[in-house]
C-alpha atoms as a PDB file:
ATOM      1  CA  UNK A   1     124.245  75.208 -47.145  1.00  0.00           C
ATOM      2  CA  UNK A   2     124.708  74.926 -50.892  1.00  0.00           C
ATOM      3  CA  UNK A   3     123.053  72.280 -53.010  1.00  0.00           C
ATOM      4  CA  UNK A   4     126.330  70.420 -53.616  1.00  0.00           C
ATOM      5  CA  UNK A   5     127.101  70.138 -49.923  1.00  0.00           C
ATOM      6  CA  UNK A   6     123.554  68.991 -49.161  1.00  0.00           C
ATOM      7  CA  UNK A   7     123.731  66.400 -51.931  1.00  0.00           C
ATOM      8  CA  UNK A   8     127.045  65.074 -50.554  1.00  0.00           C
ATOM      9  CA  UNK A   9     125.572  64.881 -47.070  1.00  0.00           C
ATOM     10  CA  UNK A  10     122.515  62.991 -48.378  1.00  0.00           C
ATOM     11  CA  UNK A  11     124.791  60.592 -50.288  1.00  0.00           C
ATOM     12  CA  UNK A  12     126.841  59.960 -47.137  1.00  0.00           C
ATOM     13  CA  UNK A  13     123.714  59.176 -45.114  1.00  0.00           C
ATOM     14  CA  UNK A  14     122.391  56.918 -47.880  1.00  0.00           C
ATOM     15  CA  UNK A  15     125.679  54.980 -47.959  1.00  0.00           C
ATOM     16  CA  UNK A  16     125.597  54.550 -44.183  1.00  0.00           C
ATOM     17  CA  UNK A  17     122.047  53.216 -44.317  1.00  0.00           C
ATOM     18  CA  UNK A  18     122.836  50.903 -47.215  1.00  0.00           C
ATOM     19  CA  UNK A  19     126.079  49.374 -45.968  1.00  0.00           C
ATOM     20  CA  UNK A  20     125.706  49.430 -42.184  1.00  0.00           C
ATOM     21  CA  UNK A  21     124.152  46.208 -40.916  1.00  0.00           C
ATOM     22  CA  UNK A  22     121.044  46.878 -38.882  1.00  0.00           C
ATOM     23  CA  UNK A  23     119.798  44.051 -36.722  1.00  0.00           C
ATOM     24  CA  UNK A  24     116.078  43.658 -37.232  1.00  0.00           C
ATOM     25  CA  UNK A  25     114.224  42.818 -34.044  1.00  0.00           C
ATOM     26  CA  UNK A  26     111.060  41.222 -35.374  1.00  0.00           C
ATOM     27  CA  UNK A  27     109.535  40.837 -31.913  1.00  0.00           C
ATOM     28  CA  UNK A  28     109.946  44.556 -31.264  1.00  0.00           C
ATOM     29  CA  UNK A  29     108.376  45.306 -34.635  1.00  0.00           C
ATOM     30  CA  UNK A  30     105.452  43.017 -33.814  1.00  0.00           C
ATOM     31  CA  UNK A  31     104.954  44.754 -30.458  1.00  0.00           C
ATOM     32  CA  UNK A  32     105.030  48.143 -32.144  1.00  0.00           C
ATOM     33  CA  UNK A  33     102.505  47.124 -34.785  1.00  0.00           C
ATOM     34  CA  UNK A  34     100.169  45.569 -32.220  1.00  0.00           C
ATOM     35  CA  UNK A  35     100.188  48.677 -30.087  1.00  0.00           C
ATOM     36  CA  UNK A  36     102.601  47.541 -27.405  1.00  0.00           C
ATOM     37  CA  UNK A  37     100.579  44.588 -26.113  1.00  0.00           C
ATOM     38  CA  UNK A  38     102.817  41.973 -24.516  1.00  0.00           C
ATOM     39  CA  UNK A  39     100.500  39.031 -25.250  1.00  0.00           C
ATOM     40  CA  UNK A  40      98.399  39.868 -28.274  1.00  0.00           C
ATOM     41  CA  UNK A  41      94.919  38.385 -28.230  1.00  0.00           C
ATOM     42  CA  UNK A  42      93.752  36.553 -31.328  1.00  0.00           C
ATOM     43  CA  UNK A  43      91.605  38.562 -33.666  1.00  0.00           C
ATOM     44  CA  UNK A  44      88.024  37.322 -33.628  1.00  0.00           C
ATOM     45  CA  UNK A  45      86.177  37.295 -36.920  1.00  0.00           C
ATOM     46  CA  UNK A  46      83.390  39.811 -37.054  1.00  0.00           C
ATOM     47  CA  UNK A  47      79.872  38.502 -36.845  1.00  0.00           C
ATOM     48  CA  UNK A  48      78.503  37.845 -40.260  1.00  0.00           C
ATOM     49  CA  UNK A  49      76.425  40.756 -41.324  1.00  0.00           C
ATOM     50  CA  UNK A  50      73.081  40.008 -42.808  1.00  0.00           C
ATOM     51  CA  UNK A  51      73.147  40.582 -46.488  1.00  0.00           C
ATOM     52  CA  UNK A  52      70.940  43.372 -47.677  1.00  0.00           C
ATOM     53  CA  UNK A  53      67.920  42.190 -49.552  1.00  0.00           C
ATOM     54  CA  UNK A  54      68.468  42.233 -53.272  1.00  0.00           C
ATOM     55  CA  UNK A  55      66.131  44.847 -54.781  1.00  0.00           C
ATOM     56  CA  UNK A  56      65.746  42.666 -57.902  1.00  0.00           C
ATOM     57  CA  UNK A  57      65.061  39.415 -56.039  1.00  0.00           C
ATOM     58  CA  UNK A  58      61.302  39.662 -56.490  1.00  0.00           C
ATOM     59  CA  UNK A  59      61.674  39.671 -60.293  1.00  0.00           C
ATOM     60  CA  UNK A  60      64.026  36.722 -60.202  1.00  0.00           C
ATOM     61  CA  UNK A  61      61.469  34.759 -58.166  1.00  0.00           C
ATOM     62  CA  UNK A  62      58.694  35.764 -60.609  1.00  0.00           C
ATOM     63  CA  UNK A  63      60.713  34.423 -63.545  1.00  0.00           C
ATOM     64  CA  UNK A  64      61.149  31.078 -61.784  1.00  0.00           C
ATOM     65  CA  UNK A  65      57.379  30.712 -61.450  1.00  0.00           C
ATOM     66  CA  UNK A  66      56.818  30.911 -65.222  1.00  0.00           C
END
């Protein structure tokens, strides 16, 4: 197929997508994004991770003592 014919075909498809009304089913989209679960469970926050000890904390404490 020549470039002109391919370009015309692409333009036709683009027009169809632009001007044809597509009903958006938000519930179906939600199911798809959640992996098909019918009743999605609430996301639990992760346990707070202990912060790593600051390698400079000992010098900060030393300055406070002065």
